[in-house]
Amino acid sequence: DDMIVSAGYNIAGPEVEAALLSHPDVAECAVIGAEDGERGQIVEAHVVLVRGVAPDAMTVKRLQDHVKATIAPYKYPRSVKFIAALPKTQTGKIQRFRLRTEKIN
């Protein structure tokens, strides 16, 4: 469930999440596989930024470059979505299925 297959590569979601969480601008994140016609799936990151960080194209590039430098470059998130909060259960577990099925802002 946490494995993303993109253009024939197996990418572990938790590894990408750990790379993103090591960036000082990221408060929380969750990574899912998003359907893609060309690659099968792409890595899609849902990111909660630290207060005061702009949710703009420069931040997307900074986070993508950070992941490329931290783990294998092909594992970087091709899609980055900034959200106010991650959907969680009452016990605090991230509900990744909701990121796949709902438009969360």
N, C-alpha and C. Protein backbone atom coordinates (compact mmCIF):
# COMPACT_ATOMS: atom_id res chain seq x y z
N ASP A 1 0.82 -1.21 0.00
CA ASP A 1 0.00 0.00 0.00
C ASP A 1 0.85 1.26 0.00
N ASP A 2 2.01 1.21 0.68
CA ASP A 2 2.90 2.37 0.71
C ASP A 2 3.89 2.36 -0.44
N MET A 3 3.80 1.34 -1.33
CA MET A 3 4.72 1.25 -2.47
C MET A 3 4.08 1.92 -3.68
N ILE A 4 4.86 2.79 -4.31
CA ILE A 4 4.42 3.51 -5.50
C ILE A 4 5.24 2.96 -6.66
N VAL A 5 4.59 2.58 -7.76
CA VAL A 5 5.30 2.09 -8.93
C VAL A 5 5.19 3.16 -10.00
N SER A 6 6.32 3.80 -10.31
CA SER A 6 6.35 4.90 -11.27
C SER A 6 7.37 4.60 -12.36
N ALA A 7 6.89 4.47 -13.59
CA ALA A 7 7.76 4.19 -14.74
C ALA A 7 8.64 2.96 -14.48
N GLY A 8 8.07 1.95 -13.81
CA GLY A 8 8.81 0.73 -13.54
C GLY A 8 9.64 0.73 -12.27
N TYR A 9 9.77 1.87 -11.63
CA TYR A 9 10.53 1.96 -10.38
C TYR A 9 9.61 1.77 -9.18
N ASN A 10 10.07 0.99 -8.21
CA ASN A 10 9.35 0.85 -6.94
C ASN A 10 9.84 1.94 -5.99
N ILE A 11 8.94 2.75 -5.50
CA ILE A 11 9.29 3.86 -4.63
C ILE A 11 8.50 3.71 -3.33
N ALA A 12 9.22 3.67 -2.22
CA ALA A 12 8.57 3.53 -0.90
C ALA A 12 8.13 4.91 -0.42
N GLY A 13 6.82 5.07 -0.21
CA GLY A 13 6.28 6.34 0.26
C GLY A 13 6.94 6.84 1.54
N PRO A 14 7.13 5.98 2.56
CA PRO A 14 7.74 6.45 3.81
C PRO A 14 9.15 7.01 3.63
N GLU A 15 9.90 6.51 2.65
CA GLU A 15 11.24 7.03 2.40
C GLU A 15 11.17 8.47 1.88
N VAL A 16 10.22 8.72 0.97
CA VAL A 16 10.04 10.07 0.44
C VAL A 16 9.54 11.00 1.54
N GLU A 17 8.63 10.51 2.37
CA GLU A 17 8.12 11.31 3.49
C GLU A 17 9.26 11.70 4.43
N ALA A 18 10.14 10.76 4.74
CA ALA A 18 11.26 11.04 5.64
C ALA A 18 12.18 12.11 5.04
N ALA A 19 12.40 12.04 3.73
CA ALA A 19 13.24 13.05 3.07
C ALA A 19 12.58 14.42 3.15
N LEU A 20 11.28 14.49 2.89
CA LEU A 20 10.57 15.77 2.98
C LEU A 20 10.58 16.31 4.41
N LEU A 21 10.34 15.42 5.38
CA LEU A 21 10.30 15.86 6.78
C LEU A 21 11.64 16.38 7.27
N SER A 22 12.72 16.01 6.59
CA SER A 22 14.04 16.50 6.99
C SER A 22 14.28 17.94 6.51
N HIS A 23 13.35 18.49 5.72
CA HIS A 23 13.47 19.88 5.26
C HIS A 23 12.83 20.79 6.30
N PRO A 24 13.49 21.90 6.65
CA PRO A 24 12.97 22.78 7.71
C PRO A 24 11.64 23.46 7.40
N ASP A 25 11.23 23.53 6.14
CA ASP A 25 9.95 24.16 5.79
C ASP A 25 8.75 23.24 5.97
N VAL A 26 8.99 21.94 6.19
CA VAL A 26 7.91 20.95 6.23
C VAL A 26 7.54 20.61 7.68
N ALA A 27 6.28 20.87 8.03
CA ALA A 27 5.79 20.51 9.37
C ALA A 27 5.31 19.07 9.38
N GLU A 28 4.53 18.70 8.35
CA GLU A 28 3.99 17.35 8.21
C GLU A 28 3.84 17.05 6.73
N CYS A 29 3.82 15.77 6.39
CA CYS A 29 3.56 15.41 5.00
C CYS A 29 3.08 13.97 4.91
N ALA A 30 2.45 13.68 3.79
CA ALA A 30 2.06 12.31 3.44
C ALA A 30 2.25 12.17 1.94
N VAL A 31 2.73 11.01 1.53
CA VAL A 31 3.00 10.75 0.12
C VAL A 31 2.10 9.62 -0.35
N ILE A 32 1.52 9.80 -1.53
CA ILE A 32 0.68 8.76 -2.14
C ILE A 32 1.10 8.59 -3.60
N GLY A 33 0.63 7.51 -4.20
CA GLY A 33 0.80 7.32 -5.64
C GLY A 33 -0.42 7.86 -6.34
N ALA A 34 -0.22 8.82 -7.24
CA ALA A 34 -1.32 9.40 -8.00
C ALA A 34 -1.28 8.82 -9.41
N GLU A 35 -2.45 8.51 -9.95
CA GLU A 35 -2.51 7.92 -11.29
C GLU A 35 -1.92 8.88 -12.32
N ASP A 36 -1.17 8.29 -13.27
CA ASP A 36 -0.53 9.08 -14.32
C ASP A 36 -0.55 8.26 -15.60
N GLY A 37 -1.06 8.83 -16.68
CA GLY A 37 -1.18 8.11 -17.94
C GLY A 37 0.15 7.64 -18.51
N GLU A 38 1.19 8.42 -18.31
CA GLU A 38 2.50 8.10 -18.89
C GLU A 38 3.31 7.16 -18.01
N ARG A 39 3.31 7.37 -16.70
CA ARG A 39 4.17 6.62 -15.79
C ARG A 39 3.45 5.56 -14.97
N GLY A 40 2.14 5.46 -15.09
CA GLY A 40 1.38 4.54 -14.25
C GLY A 40 0.95 5.26 -12.98
N GLN A 41 1.95 5.63 -12.18
CA GLN A 41 1.73 6.44 -10.99
C GLN A 41 2.86 7.46 -10.89
N ILE A 42 2.59 8.55 -10.21
CA ILE A 42 3.64 9.49 -9.84
C ILE A 42 3.60 9.67 -8.33
N VAL A 43 4.71 10.11 -7.79
CA VAL A 43 4.78 10.42 -6.36
C VAL A 43 4.10 11.77 -6.16
N GLU A 44 3.08 11.78 -5.30
CA GLU A 44 2.36 13.02 -4.99
C GLU A 44 2.48 13.28 -3.50
N ALA A 45 3.06 14.42 -3.15
CA ALA A 45 3.25 14.78 -1.75
C ALA A 45 2.19 15.79 -1.32
N HIS A 46 1.59 15.54 -0.18
CA HIS A 46 0.65 16.47 0.46
C HIS A 46 1.40 17.03 1.66
N VAL A 47 1.67 18.33 1.61
CA VAL A 47 2.59 18.94 2.57
C VAL A 47 1.91 20.03 3.39
N VAL A 48 2.13 19.96 4.70
CA VAL A 48 1.74 21.03 5.61
C VAL A 48 3.03 21.80 5.90
N LEU A 49 3.05 23.06 5.49
CA LEU A 49 4.25 23.88 5.67
C LEU A 49 4.33 24.48 7.06
N VAL A 50 5.55 24.79 7.47
CA VAL A 50 5.78 25.53 8.70
C VAL A 50 5.18 26.92 8.51
N ARG A 51 4.60 27.47 9.56
CA ARG A 51 3.99 28.80 9.48
C ARG A 51 4.98 29.82 8.91
N GLY A 52 4.49 30.63 7.96
CA GLY A 52 5.31 31.68 7.38
C GLY A 52 5.99 31.31 6.08
N VAL A 53 5.95 30.03 5.70
CA VAL A 53 6.54 29.59 4.44
C VAL A 53 5.49 29.70 3.34
N ALA A 54 5.84 30.34 2.23
CA ALA A 54 4.89 30.57 1.14
C ALA A 54 4.63 29.28 0.37
N PRO A 55 3.35 28.95 0.14
CA PRO A 55 3.01 27.76 -0.65
C PRO A 55 3.05 28.08 -2.15
N ASP A 56 4.25 28.33 -2.67
CA ASP A 56 4.38 28.77 -4.05
C ASP A 56 5.30 27.84 -4.85
N ALA A 57 5.49 28.19 -6.13
CA ALA A 57 6.30 27.36 -7.03
C ALA A 57 7.75 27.27 -6.57
N MET A 58 8.27 28.31 -5.96
CA MET A 58 9.66 28.27 -5.47
C MET A 58 9.79 27.26 -4.33
N THR A 59 8.79 27.19 -3.47
CA THR A 59 8.81 26.21 -2.38
C THR A 59 8.71 24.80 -2.94
N VAL A 60 7.86 24.59 -3.95
CA VAL A 60 7.76 23.27 -4.60
C VAL A 60 9.13 22.86 -5.11
N LYS A 61 9.80 23.74 -5.84
CA LYS A 61 11.11 23.41 -6.42
C LYS A 61 12.13 23.13 -5.32
N ARG A 62 12.11 23.92 -4.26
CA ARG A 62 13.04 23.73 -3.14
C ARG A 62 12.84 22.35 -2.51
N LEU A 63 11.60 21.95 -2.32
CA LEU A 63 11.31 20.64 -1.72
C LEU A 63 11.68 19.51 -2.68
N GLN A 64 11.38 19.67 -3.96
CA GLN A 64 11.75 18.64 -4.94
C GLN A 64 13.26 18.48 -5.01
N ASP A 65 13.99 19.59 -5.05
CA ASP A 65 15.46 19.53 -5.10
C ASP A 65 16.02 18.89 -3.84
N HIS A 66 15.41 19.17 -2.69
CA HIS A 66 15.86 18.60 -1.42
C HIS A 66 15.71 17.07 -1.45
N VAL A 67 14.57 16.59 -1.93
CA VAL A 67 14.36 15.13 -2.01
C VAL A 67 15.37 14.51 -2.98
N LYS A 68 15.59 15.15 -4.13
CA LYS A 68 16.56 14.62 -5.11
C LYS A 68 17.95 14.51 -4.51
N ALA A 69 18.32 15.46 -3.65
CA ALA A 69 19.65 15.47 -3.04
C ALA A 69 19.75 14.50 -1.85
N THR A 70 18.61 14.16 -1.25
CA THR A 70 18.59 13.34 -0.04
C THR A 70 18.49 11.85 -0.34
N ILE A 71 17.64 11.49 -1.31
CA ILE A 71 17.48 10.09 -1.72
C ILE A 71 17.65 10.02 -3.23
N ALA A 72 17.42 8.87 -3.83
CA ALA A 72 17.58 8.72 -5.29
C ALA A 72 16.71 9.75 -6.02
N PRO A 73 17.30 10.46 -6.99
CA PRO A 73 16.57 11.55 -7.67
C PRO A 73 15.24 11.14 -8.31
N TYR A 74 15.13 9.90 -8.80
CA TYR A 74 13.88 9.50 -9.45
C TYR A 74 12.71 9.38 -8.48
N LYS A 75 12.99 9.44 -7.18
CA LYS A 75 11.94 9.28 -6.17
C LYS A 75 11.26 10.60 -5.78
N TYR A 76 11.70 11.71 -6.39
CA TYR A 76 11.15 13.00 -5.96
C TYR A 76 9.66 13.12 -6.30
N PRO A 77 8.91 13.90 -5.51
CA PRO A 77 7.48 14.07 -5.80
C PRO A 77 7.26 14.97 -7.02
N ARG A 78 6.67 14.41 -8.06
CA ARG A 78 6.39 15.20 -9.26
C ARG A 78 5.21 16.14 -9.04
N SER A 79 4.38 15.80 -8.05
CA SER A 79 3.26 16.66 -7.68
C SER A 79 3.39 16.99 -6.19
N VAL A 80 3.29 18.27 -5.87
CA VAL A 80 3.32 18.71 -4.48
C VAL A 80 2.07 19.56 -4.24
N LYS A 81 1.28 19.15 -3.26
CA LYS A 81 0.06 19.89 -2.91
C LYS A 81 0.20 20.37 -1.48
N PHE A 82 -0.03 21.65 -1.29
CA PHE A 82 0.04 22.23 0.05
C PHE A 82 -1.35 22.20 0.67
N ILE A 83 -1.44 21.69 1.90
CA ILE A 83 -2.71 21.59 2.60
C ILE A 83 -2.54 22.14 4.01
N ALA A 84 -3.66 22.54 4.61
CA ALA A 84 -3.62 23.13 5.95
C ALA A 84 -3.37 22.07 7.02
N ALA A 85 -3.92 20.86 6.80
CA ALA A 85 -3.77 19.78 7.78
C ALA A 85 -3.97 18.45 7.07
N LEU A 86 -3.29 17.43 7.56
CA LEU A 86 -3.47 16.08 7.01
C LEU A 86 -4.70 15.44 7.65
N PRO A 87 -5.46 14.66 6.86
CA PRO A 87 -6.60 13.95 7.45
C PRO A 87 -6.09 12.82 8.34
N LYS A 88 -6.59 12.77 9.57
CA LYS A 88 -6.11 11.76 10.53
C LYS A 88 -7.27 11.11 11.27
N THR A 89 -6.98 9.93 11.80
CA THR A 89 -7.95 9.25 12.66
C THR A 89 -7.91 9.92 14.03
N GLN A 90 -8.81 9.52 14.92
CA GLN A 90 -8.82 10.08 16.27
C GLN A 90 -7.53 9.77 17.02
N THR A 91 -6.86 8.69 16.62
CA THR A 91 -5.60 8.33 17.29
C THR A 91 -4.38 8.95 16.61
N GLY A 92 -4.61 9.76 15.57
CA GLY A 92 -3.51 10.49 14.95
C GLY A 92 -2.86 9.82 13.76
N LYS A 93 -3.41 8.70 13.28
CA LYS A 93 -2.85 8.03 12.11
C LYS A 93 -3.32 8.74 10.85
N ILE A 94 -2.38 8.98 9.92
CA ILE A 94 -2.72 9.67 8.67
C ILE A 94 -3.62 8.77 7.82
N GLN A 95 -4.70 9.35 7.32
CA GLN A 95 -5.64 8.62 6.46
C GLN A 95 -5.29 8.90 4.99
N ARG A 96 -4.31 8.16 4.47
CA ARG A 96 -3.86 8.38 3.09
C ARG A 96 -4.97 8.14 2.07
N PHE A 97 -5.87 7.21 2.37
CA PHE A 97 -6.96 6.93 1.42
C PHE A 97 -7.79 8.18 1.17
N ARG A 98 -7.91 9.04 2.17
CA ARG A 98 -8.67 10.29 1.98
C ARG A 98 -7.93 11.25 1.07
N LEU A 99 -6.61 11.22 1.08
CA LEU A 99 -5.85 12.07 0.16
C LEU A 99 -6.09 11.62 -1.28
N ARG A 100 -6.30 10.33 -1.47
CA ARG A 100 -6.54 9.80 -2.82
C ARG A 100 -7.95 10.11 -3.31
N THR A 101 -8.92 10.17 -2.40
CA THR A 101 -10.32 10.24 -2.82
C THR A 101 -10.98 11.59 -2.63
N GLU A 102 -10.40 12.44 -1.80
CA GLU A 102 -11.05 13.73 -1.50
C GLU A 102 -10.17 14.88 -1.95
N LYS A 103 -10.80 15.98 -2.23
CA LYS A 103 -10.07 17.22 -2.49
C LYS A 103 -9.92 17.92 -1.14
N ILE A 104 -8.72 17.86 -0.58
CA ILE A 104 -8.49 18.41 0.75
C ILE A 104 -7.64 19.67 0.61
N ASN A 105 -8.09 20.73 1.25
CA ASN A 105 -7.33 21.99 1.20
C ASN A 105 -6.92 22.40 2.59
